Amino acid sequence: MARANQDRPLPLDALTGDFLYAFGAAPERGPIRIVTTDWCATNQQKYFGRDDLIFQPSPGLTLKSVAASALASEG
């Protein structure tokens, strides 16, 4: 989560790109669902700091639709 929400001021060497946003607190146990682009999934070491994450497509869902739904629920 430390790599997410990089729209705030951070030292240049801590930036990985303004592509990751977190919503809510991460659970202490169990799986975490990440919605991301195929680019971030392919380059997960750079963006998530590890290379052992397993990404699976969710038919009918897009990053844009999930983000729009989350934003709408905040209003």
PDB file of N, CA and C in Angstrom:
ATOM      1  N   MET A   1       0.814  -1.189   0.000  1.00  0.00           N
ATOM      2  CA  MET A   1       0.000   0.000   0.000  1.00  0.00           C
ATOM      3  C   MET A   1       0.866   1.265   0.000  1.00  0.00           C
ATOM      4  N   ALA A   2       2.097   1.140   0.471  1.00  0.00           N
ATOM      5  CA  ALA A   2       2.965   2.319   0.511  1.00  0.00           C
ATOM      6  C   ALA A   2       3.257   2.842  -0.891  1.00  0.00           C
ATOM      7  N   ARG A   3       3.109   1.976  -1.902  1.00  0.00           N
ATOM      8  CA  ARG A   3       3.376   2.397  -3.279  1.00  0.00           C
ATOM      9  C   ARG A   3       2.159   3.021  -3.951  1.00  0.00           C
ATOM     10  N   ALA A   4       1.015   3.004  -3.274  1.00  0.00           N
ATOM     11  CA  ALA A   4      -0.218   3.534  -3.863  1.00  0.00           C
ATOM     12  C   ALA A   4      -0.428   5.002  -3.488  1.00  0.00           C
ATOM     13  N   ASN A   5      -1.388   5.614  -4.137  1.00  0.00           N
ATOM     14  CA  ASN A   5      -1.789   7.000  -3.860  1.00  0.00           C
ATOM     15  C   ASN A   5      -0.610   7.968  -3.943  1.00  0.00           C
ATOM     16  N   GLN A   6       0.135   7.901  -5.023  1.00  0.00           N
ATOM     17  CA  GLN A   6       1.333   8.720  -5.151  1.00  0.00           C
ATOM     18  C   GLN A   6       1.057  10.110  -5.702  1.00  0.00           C
ATOM     19  N   ASP A   7      -0.157  10.589  -5.495  1.00  0.00           N
ATOM     20  CA  ASP A   7      -0.460  11.942  -5.933  1.00  0.00           C
ATOM     21  C   ASP A   7      -0.100  12.970  -4.866  1.00  0.00           C
ATOM     22  N   ARG A   8       0.430  12.509  -3.738  1.00  0.00           N
ATOM     23  CA  ARG A   8       0.880  13.421  -2.680  1.00  0.00           C
ATOM     24  C   ARG A   8       2.387  13.644  -2.845  1.00  0.00           C
ATOM     25  N   PRO A   9       2.950  14.661  -2.224  1.00  0.00           N
ATOM     26  CA  PRO A   9       4.389  14.902  -2.342  1.00  0.00           C
ATOM     27  C   PRO A   9       5.207  13.747  -1.751  1.00  0.00           C
ATOM     28  N   LEU A  10       6.078  13.190  -2.546  1.00  0.00           N
ATOM     29  CA  LEU A  10       6.983  12.115  -2.124  1.00  0.00           C
ATOM     30  C   LEU A  10       8.366  12.397  -2.687  1.00  0.00           C
ATOM     31  N   PRO A  11       9.412  11.879  -2.030  1.00  0.00           N
ATOM     32  CA  PRO A  11      10.748  12.007  -2.609  1.00  0.00           C
ATOM     33  C   PRO A  11      10.780  11.316  -3.980  1.00  0.00           C
ATOM     34  N   LEU A  12      11.528  11.865  -4.906  1.00  0.00           N
ATOM     35  CA  LEU A  12      11.578  11.330  -6.260  1.00  0.00           C
ATOM     36  C   LEU A  12      11.935   9.846  -6.281  1.00  0.00           C
ATOM     37  N   ASP A  13      12.867   9.418  -5.428  1.00  0.00           N
ATOM     38  CA  ASP A  13      13.275   8.010  -5.447  1.00  0.00           C
ATOM     39  C   ASP A  13      12.196   7.069  -4.902  1.00  0.00           C
ATOM     40  N   ALA A  14      11.142   7.608  -4.294  1.00  0.00           N
ATOM     41  CA  ALA A  14      10.051   6.778  -3.774  1.00  0.00           C
ATOM     42  C   ALA A  14       8.904   6.637  -4.773  1.00  0.00           C
ATOM     43  N   LEU A  15       8.942   7.421  -5.846  1.00  0.00           N
ATOM     44  CA  LEU A  15       7.856   7.379  -6.828  1.00  0.00           C
ATOM     45  C   LEU A  15       8.010   6.196  -7.772  1.00  0.00           C
ATOM     46  N   THR A  16       6.911   5.511  -8.043  1.00  0.00           N
ATOM     47  CA  THR A  16       6.910   4.443  -9.053  1.00  0.00           C
ATOM     48  C   THR A  16       6.003   4.804 -10.208  1.00  0.00           C
ATOM     49  N   GLY A  17       5.279   5.857 -10.101  1.00  0.00           N
ATOM     50  CA  GLY A  17       4.346   6.276 -11.137  1.00  0.00           C
ATOM     51  C   GLY A  17       2.997   6.562 -10.515  1.00  0.00           C
ATOM     52  N   ASP A  18       2.240   7.407 -11.141  1.00  0.00           N
ATOM     53  CA  ASP A  18       0.941   7.794 -10.604  1.00  0.00           C
ATOM     54  C   ASP A  18      -0.141   6.895 -11.198  1.00  0.00           C
ATOM     55  N   PHE A  19      -0.028   5.581 -10.962  1.00  0.00           N
ATOM     56  CA  PHE A  19      -0.934   4.626 -11.568  1.00  0.00           C
ATOM     57  C   PHE A  19      -1.689   3.789 -10.551  1.00  0.00           C
ATOM     58  N   LEU A  20      -1.320   3.828  -9.292  1.00  0.00           N
ATOM     59  CA  LEU A  20      -1.896   2.940  -8.288  1.00  0.00           C
ATOM     60  C   LEU A  20      -2.660   3.740  -7.253  1.00  0.00           C
ATOM     61  N   TYR A  21      -3.880   3.322  -6.971  1.00  0.00           N
ATOM     62  CA  TYR A  21      -4.698   3.978  -5.961  1.00  0.00           C
ATOM     63  C   TYR A  21      -5.311   2.925  -5.063  1.00  0.00           C
ATOM     64  N   ALA A  22      -5.287   3.156  -3.780  1.00  0.00           N
ATOM     65  CA  ALA A  22      -5.855   2.214  -2.806  1.00  0.00           C
ATOM     66  C   ALA A  22      -7.159   2.779  -2.270  1.00  0.00           C
ATOM     67  N   PHE A  23      -8.099   1.881  -1.984  1.00  0.00           N
ATOM     68  CA  PHE A  23      -9.396   2.282  -1.451  1.00  0.00           C
ATOM     69  C   PHE A  23      -9.652   1.452  -0.211  1.00  0.00           C
ATOM     70  N   GLY A  24      -9.677   2.085   0.947  1.00  0.00           N
ATOM     71  CA  GLY A  24      -9.915   1.351   2.193  1.00  0.00           C
ATOM     72  C   GLY A  24      -8.646   0.710   2.724  1.00  0.00           C
ATOM     73  N   ALA A  25      -8.765   0.146   3.903  1.00  0.00           N
ATOM     74  CA  ALA A  25      -7.619  -0.504   4.552  1.00  0.00           C
ATOM     75  C   ALA A  25      -7.484  -1.941   4.069  1.00  0.00           C
ATOM     76  N   ALA A  26      -6.263  -2.409   3.986  1.00  0.00           N
ATOM     77  CA  ALA A  26      -6.012  -3.800   3.601  1.00  0.00           C
ATOM     78  C   ALA A  26      -6.375  -4.715   4.759  1.00  0.00           C
ATOM     79  N   PRO A  27      -7.044  -5.830   4.473  1.00  0.00           N
ATOM     80  CA  PRO A  27      -7.371  -6.766   5.552  1.00  0.00           C
ATOM     81  C   PRO A  27      -6.100  -7.401   6.115  1.00  0.00           C
ATOM     82  N   GLU A  28      -6.143  -7.772   7.379  1.00  0.00           N
ATOM     83  CA  GLU A  28      -4.973  -8.406   7.992  1.00  0.00           C
ATOM     84  C   GLU A  28      -4.755  -9.812   7.452  1.00  0.00           C
ATOM     85  N   ARG A  29      -5.844 -10.481   7.061  1.00  0.00           N
ATOM     86  CA  ARG A  29      -5.738 -11.846   6.526  1.00  0.00           C
ATOM     87  C   ARG A  29      -6.624 -11.978   5.296  1.00  0.00           C
ATOM     88  N   GLY A  30      -6.353 -13.018   4.548  1.00  0.00           N
ATOM     89  CA  GLY A  30      -7.185 -13.308   3.387  1.00  0.00           C
ATOM     90  C   GLY A  30      -6.678 -12.636   2.130  1.00  0.00           C
ATOM     91  N   PRO A  31      -7.335 -12.924   1.027  1.00  0.00           N
ATOM     92  CA  PRO A  31      -6.888 -12.349  -0.247  1.00  0.00           C
ATOM     93  C   PRO A  31      -7.215 -10.864  -0.344  1.00  0.00           C
ATOM     94  N   ILE A  32      -6.439 -10.191  -1.141  1.00  0.00           N
ATOM     95  CA  ILE A  32      -6.669  -8.784  -1.446  1.00  0.00           C
ATOM     96  C   ILE A  32      -6.972  -8.705  -2.934  1.00  0.00           C
ATOM     97  N   ARG A  33      -8.026  -8.025  -3.283  1.00  0.00           N
ATOM     98  CA  ARG A  33      -8.363  -7.854  -4.699  1.00  0.00           C
ATOM     99  C   ARG A  33      -7.765  -6.544  -5.188  1.00  0.00           C
ATOM    100  N   ILE A  34      -7.046  -6.638  -6.277  1.00  0.00           N
ATOM    101  CA  ILE A  34      -6.418  -5.476  -6.888  1.00  0.00           C
ATOM    102  C   ILE A  34      -6.995  -5.321  -8.287  1.00  0.00           C
ATOM    103  N   VAL A  35      -7.476  -4.142  -8.583  1.00  0.00           N
ATOM    104  CA  VAL A  35      -7.932  -3.830  -9.932  1.00  0.00           C
ATOM    105  C   VAL A  35      -6.844  -2.970 -10.552  1.00  0.00           C
ATOM    106  N   THR A  36      -6.314  -3.409 -11.670  1.00  0.00           N
ATOM    107  CA  THR A  36      -5.214  -2.686 -12.283  1.00  0.00           C
ATOM    108  C   THR A  36      -5.237  -2.874 -13.787  1.00  0.00           C
ATOM    109  N   THR A  37      -4.355  -2.184 -14.448  1.00  0.00           N
ATOM    110  CA  THR A  37      -4.203  -2.358 -15.888  1.00  0.00           C
ATOM    111  C   THR A  37      -3.296  -3.545 -16.158  1.00  0.00           C
ATOM    112  N   ASP A  38      -3.346  -4.050 -17.371  1.00  0.00           N
ATOM    113  CA  ASP A  38      -2.459  -5.157 -17.721  1.00  0.00           C
ATOM    114  C   ASP A  38      -0.994  -4.717 -17.675  1.00  0.00           C
ATOM    115  N   TRP A  39      -0.735  -3.439 -17.908  1.00  0.00           N
ATOM    116  CA  TRP A  39       0.642  -2.936 -17.850  1.00  0.00           C
ATOM    117  C   TRP A  39       1.214  -3.072 -16.435  1.00  0.00           C
ATOM    118  N   CYS A  40       0.454  -2.634 -15.432  1.00  0.00           N
ATOM    119  CA  CYS A  40       0.928  -2.733 -14.046  1.00  0.00           C
ATOM    120  C   CYS A  40       1.042  -4.193 -13.612  1.00  0.00           C
ATOM    121  N   ALA A  41       0.120  -5.036 -14.064  1.00  0.00           N
ATOM    122  CA  ALA A  41       0.190  -6.459 -13.719  1.00  0.00           C
ATOM    123  C   ALA A  41       1.433  -7.096 -14.331  1.00  0.00           C
ATOM    124  N   THR A  42       1.735  -6.751 -15.567  1.00  0.00           N
ATOM    125  CA  THR A  42       2.912  -7.299 -16.244  1.00  0.00           C
ATOM    126  C   THR A  42       4.200  -6.797 -15.605  1.00  0.00           C
ATOM    127  N   ASN A  43       4.203  -5.563 -15.145  1.00  0.00           N
ATOM    128  CA  ASN A  43       5.385  -4.942 -14.538  1.00  0.00           C
ATOM    129  C   ASN A  43       5.215  -4.817 -13.029  1.00  0.00           C
ATOM    130  N   GLN A  44       4.681  -5.852 -12.408  1.00  0.00           N
ATOM    131  CA  GLN A  44       4.308  -5.780 -10.996  1.00  0.00           C
ATOM    132  C   GLN A  44       5.479  -5.551 -10.053  1.00  0.00           C
ATOM    133  N   GLN A  45       6.669  -5.985 -10.388  1.00  0.00           N
ATOM    134  CA  GLN A  45       7.815  -5.742  -9.502  1.00  0.00           C
ATOM    135  C   GLN A  45       8.026  -4.242  -9.326  1.00  0.00           C
ATOM    136  N   LYS A  46       7.937  -3.503 -10.411  1.00  0.00           N
ATOM    137  CA  LYS A  46       8.135  -2.055 -10.351  1.00  0.00           C
ATOM    138  C   LYS A  46       6.992  -1.362  -9.609  1.00  0.00           C
ATOM    139  N   TYR A  47       5.752  -1.771  -9.881  1.00  0.00           N
ATOM    140  CA  TYR A  47       4.603  -1.049  -9.342  1.00  0.00           C
ATOM    141  C   TYR A  47       4.133  -1.542  -7.983  1.00  0.00           C
ATOM    142  N   PHE A  48       4.248  -2.835  -7.722  1.00  0.00           N
ATOM    143  CA  PHE A  48       3.757  -3.393  -6.459  1.00  0.00           C
ATOM    144  C   PHE A  48       4.876  -3.871  -5.535  1.00  0.00           C
ATOM    145  N   GLY A  49       6.118  -3.867  -6.040  1.00  0.00           N
ATOM    146  CA  GLY A  49       7.243  -4.249  -5.205  1.00  0.00           C
ATOM    147  C   GLY A  49       7.422  -5.748  -5.030  1.00  0.00           C
ATOM    148  N   ARG A  50       6.755  -6.536  -5.856  1.00  0.00           N
ATOM    149  CA  ARG A  50       6.899  -7.998  -5.800  1.00  0.00           C
ATOM    150  C   ARG A  50       6.513  -8.572  -7.153  1.00  0.00           C
ATOM    151  N   ASP A  51       6.924  -9.817  -7.385  1.00  0.00           N
ATOM    152  CA  ASP A  51       6.631 -10.429  -8.682  1.00  0.00           C
ATOM    153  C   ASP A  51       5.881 -11.751  -8.557  1.00  0.00           C
ATOM    154  N   ASP A  52       5.250 -11.982  -7.416  1.00  0.00           N
ATOM    155  CA  ASP A  52       4.538 -13.247  -7.212  1.00  0.00           C
ATOM    156  C   ASP A  52       3.020 -13.082  -7.127  1.00  0.00           C
ATOM    157  N   LEU A  53       2.512 -11.932  -7.531  1.00  0.00           N
ATOM    158  CA  LEU A  53       1.066 -11.711  -7.507  1.00  0.00           C
ATOM    159  C   LEU A  53       0.415 -12.444  -8.679  1.00  0.00           C
ATOM    160  N   ILE A  54      -0.761 -12.975  -8.444  1.00  0.00           N
ATOM    161  CA  ILE A  54      -1.495 -13.684  -9.490  1.00  0.00           C
ATOM    162  C   ILE A  54      -2.686 -12.825  -9.895  1.00  0.00           C
ATOM    163  N   PHE A  55      -2.711 -12.420 -11.136  1.00  0.00           N
ATOM    164  CA  PHE A  55      -3.804 -11.609 -11.657  1.00  0.00           C
ATOM    165  C   PHE A  55      -4.675 -12.459 -12.562  1.00  0.00           C
ATOM    166  N   GLN A  56      -5.983 -12.296 -12.430  1.00  0.00           N
ATOM    167  CA  GLN A  56      -6.936 -13.009 -13.270  1.00  0.00           C
ATOM    168  C   GLN A  56      -7.928 -12.000 -13.830  1.00  0.00           C
ATOM    169  N   PRO A  57      -8.233 -12.104 -15.119  1.00  0.00           N
ATOM    170  CA  PRO A  57      -9.234 -11.197 -15.678  1.00  0.00           C
ATOM    171  C   PRO A  57     -10.619 -11.496 -15.123  1.00  0.00           C
ATOM    172  N   SER A  58     -11.418 -10.474 -15.009  1.00  0.00           N
ATOM    173  CA  SER A  58     -12.811 -10.617 -14.575  1.00  0.00           C
ATOM    174  C   SER A  58     -13.690 -10.201 -15.744  1.00  0.00           C
ATOM    175  N   PRO A  59     -14.273 -11.174 -16.442  1.00  0.00           N
ATOM    176  CA  PRO A  59     -15.084 -10.851 -17.619  1.00  0.00           C
ATOM    177  C   PRO A  59     -16.164  -9.817 -17.293  1.00  0.00           C
ATOM    178  N   GLY A  60     -16.272  -8.835 -18.158  1.00  0.00           N
ATOM    179  CA  GLY A  60     -17.291  -7.808 -17.988  1.00  0.00           C
ATOM    180  C   GLY A  60     -16.862  -6.634 -17.128  1.00  0.00           C
ATOM    181  N   LEU A  61     -15.728  -6.745 -16.444  1.00  0.00           N
ATOM    182  CA  LEU A  61     -15.238  -5.642 -15.612  1.00  0.00           C
ATOM    183  C   LEU A  61     -14.053  -4.974 -16.289  1.00  0.00           C
ATOM    184  N   THR A  62     -14.013  -3.668 -16.168  1.00  0.00           N
ATOM    185  CA  THR A  62     -12.859  -2.911 -16.638  1.00  0.00           C
ATOM    186  C   THR A  62     -12.382  -2.025 -15.498  1.00  0.00           C
ATOM    187  N   LEU A  63     -11.150  -1.590 -15.574  1.00  0.00           N
ATOM    188  CA  LEU A  63     -10.607  -0.691 -14.557  1.00  0.00           C
ATOM    189  C   LEU A  63     -11.465   0.566 -14.457  1.00  0.00           C
ATOM    190  N   LYS A  64     -11.867   1.084 -15.595  1.00  0.00           N
ATOM    191  CA  LYS A  64     -12.662   2.312 -15.620  1.00  0.00           C
ATOM    192  C   LYS A  64     -14.009   2.118 -14.922  1.00  0.00           C
ATOM    193  N   SER A  65     -14.684   0.994 -15.177  1.00  0.00           N
ATOM    194  CA  SER A  65     -16.001   0.779 -14.561  1.00  0.00           C
ATOM    195  C   SER A  65     -15.892   0.564 -13.054  1.00  0.00           C
ATOM    196  N   VAL A  66     -14.859  -0.131 -12.607  1.00  0.00           N
ATOM    197  CA  VAL A  66     -14.673  -0.360 -11.170  1.00  0.00           C
ATOM    198  C   VAL A  66     -14.332   0.947 -10.462  1.00  0.00           C
ATOM    199  N   ALA A  67     -13.447   1.743 -11.060  1.00  0.00           N
ATOM    200  CA  ALA A  67     -13.083   3.032 -10.456  1.00  0.00           C
ATOM    201  C   ALA A  67     -14.291   3.968 -10.412  1.00  0.00           C
ATOM    202  N   ALA A  68     -15.072   4.006 -11.480  1.00  0.00           N
ATOM    203  CA  ALA A  68     -16.260   4.866 -11.506  1.00  0.00           C
ATOM    204  C   ALA A  68     -17.262   4.445 -10.439  1.00  0.00           C
ATOM    205  N   SER A  69     -17.434   3.152 -10.250  1.00  0.00           N
ATOM    206  CA  SER A  69     -18.359   2.651  -9.229  1.00  0.00           C
ATOM    207  C   SER A  69     -17.883   3.034  -7.826  1.00  0.00           C
ATOM    208  N   ALA A  70     -16.583   2.892  -7.578  1.00  0.00           N
ATOM    209  CA  ALA A  70     -16.036   3.248  -6.263  1.00  0.00           C
ATOM    210  C   ALA A  70     -16.184   4.745  -6.002  1.00  0.00           C
ATOM    211  N   LEU A  71     -15.937   5.553  -7.017  1.00  0.00           N
ATOM    212  CA  LEU A  71     -16.088   7.001  -6.857  1.00  0.00           C
ATOM    213  C   LEU A  71     -17.546   7.380  -6.619  1.00  0.00           C
ATOM    214  N   ALA A  72     -18.459   6.729  -7.301  1.00  0.00           N
ATOM    215  CA  ALA A  72     -19.884   7.026  -7.135  1.00  0.00           C
ATOM    216  C   ALA A  72     -20.363   6.664  -5.735  1.00  0.00           C
ATOM    217  N   SER A  73     -19.810   5.606  -5.157  1.00  0.00           N
ATOM    218  CA  SER A  73     -20.238   5.188  -3.818  1.00  0.00           C
ATOM    219  C   SER A  73     -19.715   6.126  -2.738  1.00  0.00           C
ATOM    220  N   GLU A  74     -18.715   6.924  -3.056  1.00  0.00           N
ATOM    221  CA  GLU A  74     -18.157   7.884  -2.102  1.00  0.00           C
ATOM    222  C   GLU A  74     -19.018   9.133  -2.000  1.00  0.00           C
ATOM    223  N   GLY A  75     -19.794   9.419  -3.022  1.00  0.00           N
ATOM    224  CA  GLY A  75     -20.555  10.666  -3.076  1.00  0.00           C
ATOM    225  C   GLY A  75     -21.785  10.556  -2.328  1.00  0.00           C
TER     226      GLY A  75
END
